[in-house]
PDB file of N, CA and C in Angstrom:
ATOM      1  N   MET A   1    -112.489 149.454  -5.510  1.00  0.00           N
ATOM      2  CA  MET A   1    -112.040 148.839  -6.949  1.00  0.00           C
ATOM      3  C   MET A   1    -113.106 148.921  -8.038  1.00  0.00           C
ATOM      4  N   PRO A   2    -112.560 149.202  -9.145  1.00  0.00           N
ATOM      5  CA  PRO A   2    -113.780 149.479 -10.085  1.00  0.00           C
ATOM      6  C   PRO A   2    -115.193 148.749  -9.677  1.00  0.00           C
ATOM      7  N   THR A   3    -116.153 148.894 -10.784  1.00  0.00           N
ATOM      8  CA  THR A   3    -116.771 147.995 -11.183  1.00  0.00           C
ATOM      9  C   THR A   3    -116.782 147.026 -12.227  1.00  0.00           C
ATOM     10  N   ARG A   4    -116.596 145.990 -12.617  1.00  0.00           N
ATOM     11  CA  ARG A   4    -116.693 145.238 -13.623  1.00  0.00           C
ATOM     12  C   ARG A   4    -117.568 145.392 -14.393  1.00  0.00           C
ATOM     13  N   LEU A   5    -116.957 145.386 -15.622  1.00  0.00           N
ATOM     14  CA  LEU A   5    -117.829 145.403 -17.235  1.00  0.00           C
ATOM     15  C   LEU A   5    -118.189 144.391 -17.357  1.00  0.00           C
ATOM     16  N   THR A   6    -119.927 144.589 -17.933  1.00  0.00           N
ATOM     17  CA  THR A   6    -120.436 143.523 -18.372  1.00  0.00           C
ATOM     18  C   THR A   6    -121.108 143.663 -19.346  1.00  0.00           C
ATOM     19  N   ALA A   7    -121.771 142.722 -20.363  1.00  0.00           N
ATOM     20  CA  ALA A   7    -123.099 143.257 -21.741  1.00  0.00           C
ATOM     21  C   ALA A   7    -123.930 143.965 -21.210  1.00  0.00           C
ATOM     22  N   ALA A   8    -125.112 143.648 -20.027  1.00  0.00           N
ATOM     23  CA  ALA A   8    -125.486 144.351 -19.882  1.00  0.00           C
ATOM     24  C   ALA A   8    -125.491 146.016 -18.980  1.00  0.00           C
ATOM     25  N   ARG A   9    -124.758 145.913 -18.361  1.00  0.00           N
ATOM     26  CA  ARG A   9    -123.860 147.334 -18.126  1.00  0.00           C
ATOM     27  C   ARG A   9    -123.716 147.855 -19.144  1.00  0.00           C
ATOM     28  N   CYS A  10    -123.438 147.364 -20.700  1.00  0.00           N
ATOM     29  CA  CYS A  10    -122.676 148.612 -21.460  1.00  0.00           C
ATOM     30  C   CYS A  10    -123.696 148.640 -22.727  1.00  0.00           C
ATOM     31  N   ALA A  11    -124.803 148.811 -21.920  1.00  0.00           N
ATOM     32  CA  ALA A  11    -125.838 148.087 -23.403  1.00  0.00           C
ATOM     33  C   ALA A  11    -125.942 149.419 -23.969  1.00  0.00           C
ATOM     34  N   ALA A  12    -125.798 150.542 -23.707  1.00  0.00           N
ATOM     35  CA  ALA A  12    -125.448 151.889 -24.065  1.00  0.00           C
ATOM     36  C   ALA A  12    -124.539 151.880 -25.361  1.00  0.00           C
ATOM     37  N   TRP A  13    -123.947 151.109 -25.692  1.00  0.00           N
ATOM     38  CA  TRP A  13    -122.690 151.328 -26.087  1.00  0.00           C
ATOM     39  C   TRP A  13    -122.987 149.971 -27.630  1.00  0.00           C
ATOM     40  N   ARG A  14    -124.447 149.562 -27.552  1.00  0.00           N
ATOM     41  CA  ARG A  14    -124.402 148.513 -28.315  1.00  0.00           C
ATOM     42  C   ARG A  14    -125.200 149.055 -29.946  1.00  0.00           C
ATOM     43  N   PRO A  15    -124.701 148.717 -31.095  1.00  0.00           N
ATOM     44  CA  PRO A  15    -124.269 147.061 -31.096  1.00  0.00           C
ATOM     45  C   PRO A  15    -122.457 146.305 -30.894  1.00  0.00           C
ATOM     46  N   ALA A  16    -121.411 147.899 -31.167  1.00  0.00           N
ATOM     47  CA  ALA A  16    -120.421 147.929 -30.866  1.00  0.00           C
ATOM     48  C   ALA A  16    -119.859 147.109 -29.755  1.00  0.00           C
ATOM     49  N   SER A  17    -120.876 147.320 -28.282  1.00  0.00           N
ATOM     50  CA  SER A  17    -119.965 146.575 -27.287  1.00  0.00           C
ATOM     51  C   SER A  17    -120.639 144.760 -27.595  1.00  0.00           C
ATOM     52  N   THR A  18    -122.011 144.676 -27.840  1.00  0.00           N
ATOM     53  CA  THR A  18    -122.113 143.178 -28.047  1.00  0.00           C
ATOM     54  C   THR A  18    -120.209 142.779 -28.988  1.00  0.00           C
ATOM     55  N   GLU A  19    -120.029 142.779 -29.914  1.00  0.00           N
ATOM     56  CA  GLU A  19    -118.876 142.866 -30.662  1.00  0.00           C
ATOM     57  C   GLU A  19    -118.109 142.538 -29.574  1.00  0.00           C
ATOM     58  N   TYR A  20    -117.876 143.345 -28.976  1.00  0.00           N
ATOM     59  CA  TYR A  20    -116.636 143.490 -27.534  1.00  0.00           C
ATOM     60  C   TYR A  20    -116.889 142.133 -26.879  1.00  0.00           C
ATOM     61  N   PHE A  21    -117.700 142.011 -25.838  1.00  0.00           N
ATOM     62  CA  PHE A  21    -117.831 140.926 -24.932  1.00  0.00           C
ATOM     63  C   PHE A  21    -118.135 139.467 -25.909  1.00  0.00           C
ATOM     64  N   LYS A  22    -118.448 139.799 -26.688  1.00  0.00           N
ATOM     65  CA  LYS A  22    -118.119 138.213 -27.429  1.00  0.00           C
ATOM     66  C   LYS A  22    -117.331 138.030 -28.375  1.00  0.00           C
ATOM     67  N   ARG A  23    -116.364 138.818 -28.627  1.00  0.00           N
ATOM     68  CA  ARG A  23    -115.585 137.790 -29.554  1.00  0.00           C
ATOM     69  C   ARG A  23    -114.086 138.807 -29.068  1.00  0.00           C
ATOM     70  N   TYR A  24    -114.381 139.963 -28.398  1.00  0.00           N
ATOM     71  CA  TYR A  24    -112.720 140.710 -28.101  1.00  0.00           C
ATOM     72  C   TYR A  24    -112.674 140.942 -26.358  1.00  0.00           C
ATOM     73  N   ALA A  25    -113.289 140.113 -25.314  1.00  0.00           N
ATOM     74  CA  ALA A  25    -113.307 140.306 -24.004  1.00  0.00           C
ATOM     75  C   ALA A  25    -112.069 139.576 -23.316  1.00  0.00           C
ATOM     76  N   GLU A  26    -111.425 139.091 -24.368  1.00  0.00           N
ATOM     77  CA  GLU A  26    -110.077 138.772 -23.922  1.00  0.00           C
ATOM     78  C   GLU A  26    -108.944 139.200 -23.980  1.00  0.00           C
ATOM     79  N   GLY A  27    -109.089 140.353 -25.007  1.00  0.00           N
ATOM     80  CA  GLY A  27    -107.997 141.430 -25.632  1.00  0.00           C
ATOM     81  C   GLY A  27    -107.384 141.026 -26.622  1.00  0.00           C
ATOM     82  N   ARG A  28    -106.552 141.675 -27.184  1.00  0.00           N
ATOM     83  CA  ARG A  28    -105.717 141.840 -28.720  1.00  0.00           C
ATOM     84  C   ARG A  28    -104.620 142.029 -28.382  1.00  0.00           C
ATOM     85  N   PHE A  29    -103.421 141.725 -27.856  1.00  0.00           N
ATOM     86  CA  PHE A  29    -102.063 141.924 -27.922  1.00  0.00           C
ATOM     87  C   PHE A  29    -100.917 141.790 -28.779  1.00  0.00           C
ATOM     88  N   ASP A  30    -101.113 143.498 -29.661  1.00  0.00           N
ATOM     89  CA  ASP A  30     -99.894 143.629 -30.507  1.00  0.00           C
ATOM     90  C   ASP A  30     -98.637 143.501 -30.041  1.00  0.00           C
ATOM     91  N   GLU A  31     -98.299 143.002 -30.472  1.00  0.00           N
ATOM     92  CA  GLU A  31     -96.834 141.966 -30.340  1.00  0.00           C
ATOM     93  C   GLU A  31     -95.591 143.450 -31.315  1.00  0.00           C
ATOM     94  N   LYS A  32     -95.732 143.424 -31.751  1.00  0.00           N
ATOM     95  CA  LYS A  32     -95.455 144.483 -32.643  1.00  0.00           C
ATOM     96  C   LYS A  32     -94.862 145.635 -31.755  1.00  0.00           C
ATOM     97  N   ALA A  33     -95.689 146.315 -31.141  1.00  0.00           N
ATOM     98  CA  ALA A  33     -95.946 147.325 -30.291  1.00  0.00           C
ATOM     99  C   ALA A  33     -95.843 147.278 -29.185  1.00  0.00           C
ATOM    100  N   GLN A  34     -95.766 145.610 -28.650  1.00  0.00           N
ATOM    101  CA  GLN A  34     -95.838 145.548 -27.008  1.00  0.00           C
ATOM    102  C   GLN A  34     -96.975 146.220 -26.314  1.00  0.00           C
ATOM    103  N   ALA A  35     -98.075 146.251 -26.712  1.00  0.00           N
ATOM    104  CA  ALA A  35     -99.386 146.609 -26.380  1.00  0.00           C
ATOM    105  C   ALA A  35    -100.283 145.937 -26.477  1.00  0.00           C
ATOM    106  N   TRP A  36    -101.554 146.647 -25.775  1.00  0.00           N
ATOM    107  CA  TRP A  36    -102.762 145.941 -25.860  1.00  0.00           C
ATOM    108  C   TRP A  36    -103.254 146.372 -26.962  1.00  0.00           C
ATOM    109  N   LEU A  37    -104.026 146.695 -28.140  1.00  0.00           N
ATOM    110  CA  LEU A  37    -104.691 147.037 -28.910  1.00  0.00           C
ATOM    111  C   LEU A  37    -105.725 146.781 -28.437  1.00  0.00           C
ATOM    112  N   ILE A  38    -106.545 145.393 -27.916  1.00  0.00           N
ATOM    113  CA  ILE A  38    -107.732 145.971 -27.507  1.00  0.00           C
ATOM    114  C   ILE A  38    -107.864 145.256 -26.418  1.00  0.00           C
ATOM    115  N   LEU A  39    -107.967 145.871 -24.988  1.00  0.00           N
ATOM    116  CA  LEU A  39    -108.178 145.722 -23.447  1.00  0.00           C
ATOM    117  C   LEU A  39    -108.742 144.606 -23.183  1.00  0.00           C
ATOM    118  N   PRO A  40    -108.499 144.056 -22.346  1.00  0.00           N
ATOM    119  CA  PRO A  40    -109.023 142.483 -22.125  1.00  0.00           C
ATOM    120  C   PRO A  40    -109.939 142.905 -21.267  1.00  0.00           C
ATOM    121  N   ARG A  41    -111.083 142.702 -20.932  1.00  0.00           N
ATOM    122  CA  ARG A  41    -112.627 143.300 -19.984  1.00  0.00           C
ATOM    123  C   ARG A  41    -112.254 143.938 -18.647  1.00  0.00           C
ATOM    124  N   GLU A  42    -111.061 143.242 -18.515  1.00  0.00           N
ATOM    125  CA  GLU A  42    -111.125 143.480 -16.489  1.00  0.00           C
ATOM    126  C   GLU A  42    -110.148 144.873 -17.137  1.00  0.00           C
ATOM    127  N   HIS A  43    -109.361 145.331 -17.942  1.00  0.00           N
ATOM    128  CA  HIS A  43    -108.554 146.455 -18.010  1.00  0.00           C
ATOM    129  C   HIS A  43    -109.620 147.492 -19.418  1.00  0.00           C
ATOM    130  N   ALA A  44    -110.813 146.636 -19.468  1.00  0.00           N
ATOM    131  CA  ALA A  44    -112.076 147.846 -20.315  1.00  0.00           C
ATOM    132  C   ALA A  44    -111.937 149.225 -18.915  1.00  0.00           C
ATOM    133  N   ARG A  45    -113.099 150.019 -19.557  1.00  0.00           N
ATOM    134  CA  ARG A  45    -113.154 150.765 -18.523  1.00  0.00           C
ATOM    135  C   ARG A  45    -114.292 151.813 -18.713  1.00  0.00           C
ATOM    136  N   LEU A  46    -115.158 152.327 -18.269  1.00  0.00           N
ATOM    137  CA  LEU A  46    -116.232 153.341 -18.754  1.00  0.00           C
ATOM    138  C   LEU A  46    -115.501 155.155 -18.275  1.00  0.00           C
ATOM    139  N   ASP A  47    -115.678 155.857 -19.159  1.00  0.00           N
ATOM    140  CA  ASP A  47    -115.265 157.196 -19.090  1.00  0.00           C
ATOM    141  C   ASP A  47    -117.250 157.920 -19.001  1.00  0.00           C
ATOM    142  N   GLU A  48    -117.247 158.102 -18.192  1.00  0.00           N
ATOM    143  CA  GLU A  48    -118.795 158.484 -18.083  1.00  0.00           C
ATOM    144  C   GLU A  48    -118.864 160.095 -18.647  1.00  0.00           C
ATOM    145  N   ALA A  49    -118.098 160.694 -18.347  1.00  0.00           N
ATOM    146  CA  ALA A  49    -117.830 162.042 -18.391  1.00  0.00           C
ATOM    147  C   ALA A  49    -117.700 162.333 -20.341  1.00  0.00           C
ATOM    148  N   ARG A  50    -117.305 161.367 -20.721  1.00  0.00           N
ATOM    149  CA  ARG A  50    -117.141 161.728 -22.120  1.00  0.00           C
ATOM    150  C   ARG A  50    -117.814 160.580 -22.757  1.00  0.00           C
ATOM    151  N   GLY A  51    -118.922 159.696 -22.138  1.00  0.00           N
ATOM    152  CA  GLY A  51    -119.749 159.132 -22.799  1.00  0.00           C
ATOM    153  C   GLY A  51    -119.543 158.190 -23.533  1.00  0.00           C
ATOM    154  N   ALA A  52    -117.607 157.427 -23.050  1.00  0.00           N
ATOM    155  CA  ALA A  52    -117.120 156.589 -23.561  1.00  0.00           C
ATOM    156  C   ALA A  52    -116.820 155.197 -23.595  1.00  0.00           C
ATOM    157  N   LEU A  53    -116.781 153.599 -23.699  1.00  0.00           N
ATOM    158  CA  LEU A  53    -115.957 152.925 -23.322  1.00  0.00           C
ATOM    159  C   LEU A  53    -114.769 152.548 -23.790  1.00  0.00           C
ATOM    160  N   VAL A  54    -113.725 152.798 -22.785  1.00  0.00           N
ATOM    161  CA  VAL A  54    -112.633 152.253 -23.329  1.00  0.00           C
ATOM    162  C   VAL A  54    -112.044 150.941 -23.648  1.00  0.00           C
ATOM    163  N   ILE A  55    -111.827 150.650 -24.574  1.00  0.00           N
ATOM    164  CA  ILE A  55    -111.584 149.234 -24.700  1.00  0.00           C
ATOM    165  C   ILE A  55    -109.999 149.000 -25.788  1.00  0.00           C
ATOM    166  N   GLY A  56    -109.408 150.116 -25.883  1.00  0.00           N
ATOM    167  CA  GLY A  56    -108.105 149.499 -26.577  1.00  0.00           C
ATOM    168  C   GLY A  56    -107.298 150.876 -26.511  1.00  0.00           C
ATOM    169  N   SER A  57    -106.361 150.496 -26.696  1.00  0.00           N
ATOM    170  CA  SER A  57    -104.879 151.765 -26.321  1.00  0.00           C
ATOM    171  C   SER A  57    -104.129 151.458 -28.093  1.00  0.00           C
ATOM    172  N   ALA A  58    -103.487 152.526 -28.092  1.00  0.00           N
ATOM    173  CA  ALA A  58    -102.606 153.071 -29.601  1.00  0.00           C
ATOM    174  C   ALA A  58    -101.315 152.716 -29.250  1.00  0.00           C
ATOM    175  N   GLY A  59    -100.965 153.026 -27.541  1.00  0.00           N
ATOM    176  CA  GLY A  59     -99.788 152.503 -26.995  1.00  0.00           C
ATOM    177  C   GLY A  59     -98.766 153.556 -27.516  1.00  0.00           C
ATOM    178  N   VAL A  60     -99.174 155.021 -27.482  1.00  0.00           N
ATOM    179  CA  VAL A  60     -98.594 156.513 -27.228  1.00  0.00           C
ATOM    180  C   VAL A  60     -99.549 157.076 -27.736  1.00  0.00           C
ATOM    181  N   ASP A  61     -98.826 158.328 -26.919  1.00  0.00           N
ATOM    182  CA  ASP A  61     -99.850 159.426 -26.257  1.00  0.00           C
ATOM    183  C   ASP A  61    -100.771 159.830 -25.209  1.00  0.00           C
ATOM    184  N   GLY A  62    -100.881 158.407 -25.101  1.00  0.00           N
ATOM    185  CA  GLY A  62    -102.317 158.425 -24.063  1.00  0.00           C
ATOM    186  C   GLY A  62    -103.601 158.021 -25.083  1.00  0.00           C
ATOM    187  N   ILE A  63    -103.433 157.880 -26.207  1.00  0.00           N
ATOM    188  CA  ILE A  63    -104.720 157.909 -27.193  1.00  0.00           C
ATOM    189  C   ILE A  63    -105.301 156.099 -27.001  1.00  0.00           C
ATOM    190  N   THR A  64    -106.368 156.399 -26.436  1.00  0.00           N
ATOM    191  CA  THR A  64    -107.088 155.201 -26.204  1.00  0.00           C
ATOM    192  C   THR A  64    -108.420 154.848 -27.241  1.00  0.00           C
ATOM    193  N   PHE A  65    -108.455 153.827 -27.396  1.00  0.00           N
ATOM    194  CA  PHE A  65    -109.988 153.799 -28.438  1.00  0.00           C
ATOM    195  C   PHE A  65    -110.954 152.827 -27.893  1.00  0.00           C
ATOM    196  N   CYS A  66    -111.820 154.287 -28.261  1.00  0.00           N
ATOM    197  CA  CYS A  66    -113.429 153.962 -28.054  1.00  0.00           C
ATOM    198  C   CYS A  66    -114.484 153.389 -28.583  1.00  0.00           C
ATOM    199  N   LEU A  67    -115.638 153.135 -27.651  1.00  0.00           N
ATOM    200  CA  LEU A  67    -116.502 153.471 -28.111  1.00  0.00           C
ATOM    201  C   LEU A  67    -117.530 154.092 -27.996  1.00  0.00           C
ATOM    202  N   ARG A  68    -118.632 155.109 -28.698  1.00  0.00           N
ATOM    203  CA  ARG A  68    -119.104 156.305 -28.243  1.00  0.00           C
ATOM    204  C   ARG A  68    -120.532 156.062 -27.918  1.00  0.00           C
ATOM    205  N   LYS A  69    -120.895 156.492 -26.927  1.00  0.00           N
ATOM    206  CA  LYS A  69    -122.632 156.526 -26.461  1.00  0.00           C
ATOM    207  C   LYS A  69    -123.418 156.981 -28.147  1.00  0.00           C
ATOM    208  N   GLY A  70    -124.389 155.887 -28.038  1.00  0.00           N
ATOM    209  CA  GLY A  70    -124.661 156.613 -29.354  1.00  0.00           C
ATOM    210  C   GLY A  70    -124.154 156.981 -31.038  1.00  0.00           C
ATOM    211  N   LEU A  71    -122.989 156.662 -31.148  1.00  0.00           N
ATOM    212  CA  LEU A  71    -122.400 156.102 -32.118  1.00  0.00           C
ATOM    213  C   LEU A  71    -121.949 155.122 -32.524  1.00  0.00           C
ATOM    214  N   ALA A  72    -122.055 154.974 -33.958  1.00  0.00           N
ATOM    215  CA  ALA A  72    -121.649 153.480 -34.312  1.00  0.00           C
ATOM    216  C   ALA A  72    -119.722 153.453 -34.432  1.00  0.00           C
ATOM    217  N   GLY A  73    -119.174 153.064 -34.520  1.00  0.00           N
ATOM    218  CA  GLY A  73    -118.189 152.734 -35.654  1.00  0.00           C
ATOM    219  C   GLY A  73    -117.386 152.409 -33.287  1.00  0.00           C
ATOM    220  N   VAL A  74    -115.574 152.475 -33.683  1.00  0.00           N
ATOM    221  CA  VAL A  74    -114.651 153.021 -33.013  1.00  0.00           C
ATOM    222  C   VAL A  74    -113.606 154.077 -33.002  1.00  0.00           C
ATOM    223  N   TRP A  75    -113.668 154.941 -31.887  1.00  0.00           N
ATOM    224  CA  TRP A  75    -113.526 155.983 -32.303  1.00  0.00           C
ATOM    225  C   TRP A  75    -111.627 156.323 -31.926  1.00  0.00           C
ATOM    226  N   ALA A  76    -110.704 157.032 -31.762  1.00  0.00           N
ATOM    227  CA  ALA A  76    -109.230 157.258 -31.159  1.00  0.00           C
ATOM    228  C   ALA A  76    -109.885 158.440 -30.100  1.00  0.00           C
ATOM    229  N   TYR A  77    -109.308 158.337 -29.078  1.00  0.00           N
ATOM    230  CA  TYR A  77    -109.791 159.746 -28.288  1.00  0.00           C
ATOM    231  C   TYR A  77    -108.087 160.187 -28.350  1.00  0.00           C
ATOM    232  N   TYR A  78    -108.155 161.471 -28.745  1.00  0.00           N
ATOM    233  CA  TYR A  78    -106.839 162.331 -28.317  1.00  0.00           C
ATOM    234  C   TYR A  78    -107.052 162.835 -26.999  1.00  0.00           C
ATOM    235  N   PRO A  79    -106.296 162.632 -25.592  1.00  0.00           N
ATOM    236  CA  PRO A  79    -106.391 163.650 -24.685  1.00  0.00           C
ATOM    237  C   PRO A  79    -105.309 165.091 -24.579  1.00  0.00           C
ATOM    238  N   HIS A  80    -104.541 165.023 -25.768  1.00  0.00           N
ATOM    239  CA  HIS A  80    -104.062 166.120 -25.223  1.00  0.00           C
ATOM    240  C   HIS A  80    -104.791 167.517 -26.703  1.00  0.00           C
ATOM    241  N   GLU A  81    -105.405 166.765 -27.362  1.00  0.00           N
ATOM    242  CA  GLU A  81    -106.217 167.689 -28.100  1.00  0.00           C
ATOM    243  C   GLU A  81    -107.881 167.319 -27.631  1.00  0.00           C
ATOM    244  N   ASP A  82    -108.099 166.546 -26.488  1.00  0.00           N
ATOM    245  CA  ASP A  82    -109.640 166.718 -26.180  1.00  0.00           C
ATOM    246  C   ASP A  82    -110.942 165.976 -27.485  1.00  0.00           C
ATOM    247  N   GLU A  83    -110.208 165.631 -27.819  1.00  0.00           N
ATOM    248  CA  GLU A  83    -111.008 164.755 -29.453  1.00  0.00           C
ATOM    249  C   GLU A  83    -110.985 163.561 -29.722  1.00  0.00           C
ATOM    250  N   PHE A  84    -112.339 163.341 -30.577  1.00  0.00           N
ATOM    251  CA  PHE A  84    -112.344 161.724 -30.788  1.00  0.00           C
ATOM    252  C   PHE A  84    -112.279 161.898 -32.194  1.00  0.00           C
ATOM    253  N   GLN A  85    -111.993 160.986 -32.801  1.00  0.00           N
ATOM    254  CA  GLN A  85    -111.591 160.369 -34.318  1.00  0.00           C
ATOM    255  C   GLN A  85    -112.182 159.483 -34.476  1.00  0.00           C
ATOM    256  N   ILE A  86    -112.760 158.927 -35.361  1.00  0.00           N
ATOM    257  CA  ILE A  86    -113.396 157.641 -35.424  1.00  0.00           C
ATOM    258  C   ILE A  86    -112.457 156.940 -36.546  1.00  0.00           C
ATOM    259  N   LYS A  87    -111.930 155.424 -36.648  1.00  0.00           N
ATOM    260  CA  LYS A  87    -111.225 154.776 -37.233  1.00  0.00           C
ATOM    261  C   LYS A  87    -111.433 153.870 -37.403  1.00  0.00           C
ATOM    262  N   ALA A  88    -112.560 153.005 -36.982  1.00  0.00           N
ATOM    263  CA  ALA A  88    -112.655 151.660 -38.117  1.00  0.00           C
ATOM    264  C   ALA A  88    -114.797 151.726 -37.348  1.00  0.00           C
ATOM    265  N   THR A  89    -115.480 150.903 -38.567  1.00  0.00           N
ATOM    266  CA  THR A  89    -116.701 150.600 -38.247  1.00  0.00           C
ATOM    267  C   THR A  89    -116.564 149.489 -37.268  1.00  0.00           C
ATOM    268  N   SER A  90    -115.964 148.719 -36.978  1.00  0.00           N
ATOM    269  CA  SER A  90    -116.282 147.667 -36.252  1.00  0.00           C
ATOM    270  C   SER A  90    -114.649 147.211 -35.425  1.00  0.00           C
ATOM    271  N   LEU A  91    -114.480 146.500 -34.277  1.00  0.00           N
ATOM    272  CA  LEU A  91    -113.312 145.938 -33.732  1.00  0.00           C
ATOM    273  C   LEU A  91    -112.196 145.343 -34.902  1.00  0.00           C
ATOM    274  N   GLU A  92    -113.166 143.969 -35.408  1.00  0.00           N
ATOM    275  CA  GLU A  92    -112.895 143.468 -36.428  1.00  0.00           C
ATOM    276  C   GLU A  92    -111.904 144.076 -37.445  1.00  0.00           C
ATOM    277  N   HIS A  93    -112.766 145.256 -37.719  1.00  0.00           N
ATOM    278  CA  HIS A  93    -112.243 146.402 -38.604  1.00  0.00           C
ATOM    279  C   HIS A  93    -110.731 147.452 -38.034  1.00  0.00           C
ATOM    280  N   LEU A  94    -110.692 147.302 -37.006  1.00  0.00           N
ATOM    281  CA  LEU A  94    -109.647 147.799 -35.834  1.00  0.00           C
ATOM    282  C   LEU A  94    -108.746 147.216 -36.480  1.00  0.00           C
ATOM    283  N   GLU A  95    -109.057 145.570 -35.616  1.00  0.00           N
ATOM    284  CA  GLU A  95    -107.935 144.413 -35.887  1.00  0.00           C
ATOM    285  C   GLU A  95    -107.192 144.434 -36.881  1.00  0.00           C
ATOM    286  N   ARG A  96    -108.242 144.428 -38.113  1.00  0.00           N
ATOM    287  CA  ARG A  96    -107.312 143.659 -39.835  1.00  0.00           C
ATOM    288  C   ARG A  96    -106.452 145.437 -39.941  1.00  0.00           C
ATOM    289  N   GLY A  97    -107.358 146.242 -39.572  1.00  0.00           N
ATOM    290  CA  GLY A  97    -106.716 147.815 -40.370  1.00  0.00           C
ATOM    291  C   GLY A  97    -105.123 147.847 -39.441  1.00  0.00           C
ATOM    292  N   TRP A  98    -105.534 147.880 -38.160  1.00  0.00           N
ATOM    293  CA  TRP A  98    -103.896 148.237 -37.548  1.00  0.00           C
ATOM    294  C   TRP A  98    -103.033 147.343 -37.564  1.00  0.00           C
ATOM    295  N   ALA A  99    -102.975 146.088 -38.019  1.00  0.00           N
ATOM    296  CA  ALA A  99    -102.501 145.043 -38.500  1.00  0.00           C
ATOM    297  C   ALA A  99    -101.896 145.244 -40.357  1.00  0.00           C
ATOM    298  N   ASP A 100    -102.847 145.414 -40.667  1.00  0.00           N
ATOM    299  CA  ASP A 100    -102.146 146.353 -42.200  1.00  0.00           C
ATOM    300  C   ASP A 100    -101.790 147.085 -42.677  1.00  0.00           C
ATOM    301  N   GLY A 101    -101.708 148.435 -41.482  1.00  0.00           N
ATOM    302  CA  GLY A 101    -101.272 149.897 -41.272  1.00  0.00           C
ATOM    303  C   GLY A 101    -102.013 150.388 -42.208  1.00  0.00           C
ATOM    304  N   THR A 102    -103.175 150.234 -42.398  1.00  0.00           N
ATOM    305  CA  THR A 102    -104.449 151.480 -43.020  1.00  0.00           C
ATOM    306  C   THR A 102    -105.204 152.050 -41.737  1.00  0.00           C
ATOM    307  N   ILE A 103    -105.388 151.067 -41.095  1.00  0.00           N
ATOM    308  CA  ILE A 103    -105.640 152.325 -39.593  1.00  0.00           C
ATOM    309  C   ILE A 103    -103.980 152.699 -39.271  1.00  0.00           C
ATOM    310  N   TRP A 104    -104.044 154.215 -38.327  1.00  0.00           N
ATOM    311  CA  TRP A 104    -103.089 154.321 -37.367  1.00  0.00           C
ATOM    312  C   TRP A 104    -103.462 155.660 -36.961  1.00  0.00           C
ATOM    313  N   VAL A 105    -102.889 156.189 -35.692  1.00  0.00           N
ATOM    314  CA  VAL A 105    -103.070 157.501 -34.712  1.00  0.00           C
ATOM    315  C   VAL A 105    -101.590 158.576 -35.121  1.00  0.00           C
TER     316      VAL A 105
END
């Protein structure tokens, strides 16, 4: 069974991890896409190999949204290309931009 993520365990991803645990730990479901844009805490996970805290999903092609250790912002990880792209300055920015179509993958 995976270890439960806590704010203390994810301290290396601050300040973005603080925003996640304070405002988004229950997740955000995208009704239109029928997918979790921001994952509930019990589904978020650490990707130690890439230094990423996986906190969301684009709902397509295995693309995930991550916080990266030592880097600001919210990043999309593209597994087929094995690369990250910055998508938003914060989780709030990701949520708003995804809803209004200014952020996409």
